C-alpha atoms as a PDB file:
ATOM      1  CA  MET A   1    -101.732-100.425 -90.451  1.00  0.00           C
ATOM      2  CA  GLN A   2     -99.806 -97.481 -88.955  1.00  0.00           C
ATOM      3  CA  VAL A   3     -96.291 -98.127 -87.399  1.00  0.00           C
ATOM      4  CA  ALA A   4     -94.757 -96.056 -84.613  1.00  0.00           C
ATOM      5  CA  VAL A   5     -91.240 -94.310 -85.611  1.00  0.00           C
ATOM      6  CA  ALA A   6     -90.903 -92.770 -82.237  1.00  0.00           C
ATOM      7  CA  THR A   7     -92.254 -92.378 -78.899  1.00  0.00           C
ATOM      8  CA  TYR A   8     -96.045 -92.287 -79.240  1.00  0.00           C
ATOM      9  CA  ASP A   9     -96.886 -89.341 -76.827  1.00  0.00           C
ATOM     10  CA  LEU A  10     -93.722 -86.839 -77.125  1.00  0.00           C
ATOM     11  CA  ASN A  11     -93.377 -84.351 -79.493  1.00  0.00           C
ATOM     12  CA  LEU A  12     -90.554 -82.211 -80.772  1.00  0.00           C
ATOM     13  CA  ARG A  13     -91.662 -79.345 -78.401  1.00  0.00           C
ATOM     14  CA  GLU A  14     -91.376 -81.470 -75.347  1.00  0.00           C
ATOM     15  CA  LEU A  15     -88.183 -82.779 -76.294  1.00  0.00           C
ATOM     16  CA  GLN A  16     -86.897 -79.315 -76.739  1.00  0.00           C
ATOM     17  CA  PHE A  17     -88.114 -78.438 -73.539  1.00  0.00           C
ATOM     18  CA  VAL A  18     -86.063 -81.202 -71.883  1.00  0.00           C
ATOM     19  CA  ALA A  19     -82.920 -80.307 -73.976  1.00  0.00           C
ATOM     20  CA  ASP A  20     -83.219 -76.566 -72.778  1.00  0.00           C
ATOM     21  CA  HIS A  21     -83.376 -77.450 -69.111  1.00  0.00           C
ATOM     22  CA  LEU A  22     -80.127 -79.740 -68.921  1.00  0.00           C
ATOM     23  CA  THR A  23     -76.764 -78.985 -68.846  1.00  0.00           C
ATOM     24  CA  GLU A  24     -74.483 -80.640 -71.494  1.00  0.00           C
ATOM     25  CA  LEU A  25     -73.467 -83.244 -69.121  1.00  0.00           C
ATOM     26  CA  GLU A  26     -76.697 -84.153 -67.706  1.00  0.00           C
ATOM     27  CA  CYS A  27     -77.823 -84.632 -71.362  1.00  0.00           C
ATOM     28  CA  ARG A  28     -75.147 -86.927 -72.289  1.00  0.00           C
ATOM     29  CA  LYS A  29     -75.855 -88.898 -69.017  1.00  0.00           C
ATOM     30  CA  LEU A  30     -79.555 -88.855 -69.859  1.00  0.00           C
ATOM     31  CA  SER A  31     -78.721 -90.208 -73.358  1.00  0.00           C
ATOM     32  CA  GLU A  32     -76.557 -93.092 -71.707  1.00  0.00           C
ATOM     33  CA  ALA A  33     -79.370 -94.011 -69.503  1.00  0.00           C
ATOM     34  CA  LEU A  34     -82.025 -93.981 -72.093  1.00  0.00           C
ATOM     35  CA  PHE A  35     -80.118 -96.466 -74.194  1.00  0.00           C
ATOM     36  CA  MET A  36     -80.066 -99.076 -71.263  1.00  0.00           C
ATOM     37  CA  GLU A  37     -82.504-101.908 -71.471  1.00  0.00           C
ATOM     38  CA  ASP A  38     -82.836-102.374 -67.663  1.00  0.00           C
ATOM     39  CA  TYR A  39     -85.387-100.482 -65.394  1.00  0.00           C
ATOM     40  CA  VAL A  40     -82.392 -99.984 -62.811  1.00  0.00           C
ATOM     41  CA  LEU A  41     -79.399 -98.320 -63.867  1.00  0.00           C
ATOM     42  CA  ASP A  42     -76.623-101.072 -63.499  1.00  0.00           C
ATOM     43  CA  HIS A  43     -73.685 -98.802 -63.473  1.00  0.00           C
ATOM     44  CA  PRO A  44     -72.893 -94.947 -62.910  1.00  0.00           C
ATOM     45  CA  LEU A  45     -73.397 -92.865 -65.872  1.00  0.00           C
ATOM     46  CA  THR A  46     -70.296 -91.237 -67.055  1.00  0.00           C
ATOM     47  CA  GLY A  47     -71.845 -88.984 -70.024  1.00  0.00           C
ATOM     48  CA  SER A  48     -68.578 -89.530 -71.647  1.00  0.00           C
ATOM     49  CA  LYS A  49     -69.781 -90.291 -74.894  1.00  0.00           C
ATOM     50  CA  GLU A  50     -71.374 -88.084 -77.629  1.00  0.00           C
ATOM     51  CA  LYS A  51     -69.468 -84.818 -76.881  1.00  0.00           C
ATOM     52  CA  ASN A  52     -69.951 -82.132 -79.187  1.00  0.00           C
ATOM     53  CA  VAL A  53     -73.501 -83.031 -79.883  1.00  0.00           C
ATOM     54  CA  SER A  54     -76.474 -80.941 -79.207  1.00  0.00           C
ATOM     55  CA  CYS A  55     -78.750 -82.381 -76.492  1.00  0.00           C
ATOM     56  CA  ILE A  56     -81.643 -82.176 -78.945  1.00  0.00           C
ATOM     57  CA  THR A  57     -79.776 -84.232 -81.216  1.00  0.00           C
ATOM     58  CA  LEU A  58     -79.273 -86.934 -78.540  1.00  0.00           C
ATOM     59  CA  LEU A  59     -82.763 -86.934 -77.463  1.00  0.00           C
ATOM     60  CA  LEU A  60     -84.137 -87.230 -81.211  1.00  0.00           C
ATOM     61  CA  THR A  61     -81.568 -89.890 -81.790  1.00  0.00           C
ATOM     62  CA  TRP A  62     -83.017 -91.840 -78.862  1.00  0.00           C
ATOM     63  CA  ASP A  63     -86.601 -91.181 -79.638  1.00  0.00           C
ATOM     64  CA  ARG A  64     -86.233 -92.759 -83.255  1.00  0.00           C
ATOM     65  CA  SER A  65     -84.147 -95.706 -82.164  1.00  0.00           C
ATOM     66  CA  ASN A  66     -85.573 -99.086 -81.179  1.00  0.00           C
ATOM     67  CA  TYR A  67     -85.176 -97.907 -77.534  1.00  0.00           C
ATOM     68  CA  GLY A  68     -87.637 -94.980 -78.082  1.00  0.00           C
ATOM     69  CA  ARG A  69     -89.687 -96.207 -80.680  1.00  0.00           C
ATOM     70  CA  ALA A  70     -93.509 -97.085 -79.742  1.00  0.00           C
ATOM     71  CA  ARG A  71     -92.508 -96.388 -75.971  1.00  0.00           C
ATOM     72  CA  SER A  72     -94.306 -93.832 -73.692  1.00  0.00           C
ATOM     73  CA  PHE A  73     -92.639 -90.616 -72.365  1.00  0.00           C
ATOM     74  CA  HIS A  74     -92.416 -92.504 -68.973  1.00  0.00           C
ATOM     75  CA  ARG A  75     -89.053 -93.807 -69.874  1.00  0.00           C
ATOM     76  CA  LEU A  76     -87.724 -90.281 -70.428  1.00  0.00           C
ATOM     77  CA  SER A  77     -89.348 -89.106 -67.328  1.00  0.00           C
ATOM     78  CA  LEU A  78     -87.896 -92.145 -65.281  1.00  0.00           C
ATOM     79  CA  ARG A  79     -84.382 -91.573 -66.548  1.00  0.00           C
ATOM     80  CA  LEU A  80     -84.828 -87.712 -65.644  1.00  0.00           C
ATOM     81  CA  SER A  81     -85.638 -88.893 -62.164  1.00  0.00           C
ATOM     82  CA  GLN A  82     -82.739 -91.245 -62.097  1.00  0.00           C
ATOM     83  CA  ILE A  83     -80.052 -88.551 -62.957  1.00  0.00           C
ATOM     84  CA  GLY A  84     -81.560 -86.320 -60.105  1.00  0.00           C
ATOM     85  CA  ARG A  85     -83.893 -84.150 -62.297  1.00  0.00           C
ATOM     86  CA  ASN A  86     -87.212 -85.021 -60.626  1.00  0.00           C
ATOM     87  CA  GLU A  87     -88.623 -81.415 -61.147  1.00  0.00           C
ATOM     88  CA  LEU A  88     -87.800 -81.567 -64.872  1.00  0.00           C
ATOM     89  CA  ALA A  89     -89.503 -85.152 -64.865  1.00  0.00           C
ATOM     90  CA  ASP A  90     -92.461 -83.760 -63.157  1.00  0.00           C
ATOM     91  CA  LYS A  91     -92.688 -80.708 -65.475  1.00  0.00           C
ATOM     92  CA  LEU A  92     -92.414 -83.019 -68.429  1.00  0.00           C
ATOM     93  CA  SER A  93     -95.528 -85.138 -67.186  1.00  0.00           C
ATOM     94  CA  GLN A  94     -97.497 -81.965 -66.692  1.00  0.00           C
ATOM     95  CA  LEU A  95     -96.733 -80.920 -70.362  1.00  0.00           C
ATOM     96  CA  VAL A  96     -97.585 -84.148 -71.721  1.00  0.00           C
ATOM     97  CA  TYR A  97    -100.745 -84.886 -69.718  1.00  0.00           C
ATOM     98  CA  GLY A  98    -101.899 -81.262 -70.325  1.00  0.00           C
ATOM     99  CA  GLU A  99    -101.561 -81.481 -74.109  1.00  0.00           C
ATOM    100  CA  LYS A 100    -103.276 -84.985 -74.018  1.00  0.00           C
ATOM    101  CA  SER A 101    -106.196 -83.740 -71.854  1.00  0.00           C
ATOM    102  CA  GLU A 102    -106.548 -80.831 -74.403  1.00  0.00           C
ATOM    103  CA  GLU A 103    -107.091 -83.704 -77.305  1.00  0.00           C
ATOM    104  CA  VAL A 104    -109.784 -85.445 -75.618  1.00  0.00           C
ATOM    105  CA  PRO A 105    -112.574 -82.973 -76.180  1.00  0.00           C
ATOM    106  CA  ALA A 106    -111.833 -82.726 -79.938  1.00  0.00           C
ATOM    107  CA  PHE A 107    -111.509 -86.497 -80.261  1.00  0.00           C
ATOM    108  CA  ILE A 108    -114.829 -86.876 -78.387  1.00  0.00           C
ATOM    109  CA  LEU A 109    -116.451 -84.435 -80.586  1.00  0.00           C
ATOM    110  CA  TYR A 110    -115.025 -85.659 -83.917  1.00  0.00           C
ATOM    111  CA  ASN A 111    -116.308 -89.155 -82.973  1.00  0.00           C
ATOM    112  CA  THR A 112    -119.642 -88.114 -81.796  1.00  0.00           C
ATOM    113  CA  GLU A 113    -120.303 -86.039 -85.074  1.00  0.00           C
ATOM    114  CA  PHE A 114    -119.099 -89.092 -87.099  1.00  0.00           C
ATOM    115  CA  ILE A 115    -121.547 -91.406 -85.076  1.00  0.00           C
ATOM    116  CA  PHE A 116    -124.632 -89.383 -85.417  1.00  0.00           C
ATOM    117  CA  ASN A 117    -124.352 -88.314 -89.005  1.00  0.00           C
END
């Protein structure tokens, strides 16, 4: 049995893309939001914690925590929208879905060869 240790549909390249397109304050606010359980943000985000930590480190910390583990990229996309970065949320969705659509033909080809051989 394989156990997920991070989000199951995000990779380092996509997390780095998000990190590269956020300001330091936006990233800290995003990190704060990602560690909230509720769908709706229940208080204003301050971004006052985790200063002097790189954005990619904050995103990887979330990704490997209980808040990110075995979840979809949709949580990250939702939180990006909630901090006012709708265009970045949309671009992330395009990146993830684009990569997943490229994986489908290879998956079908592999499984077809396995069935017929």
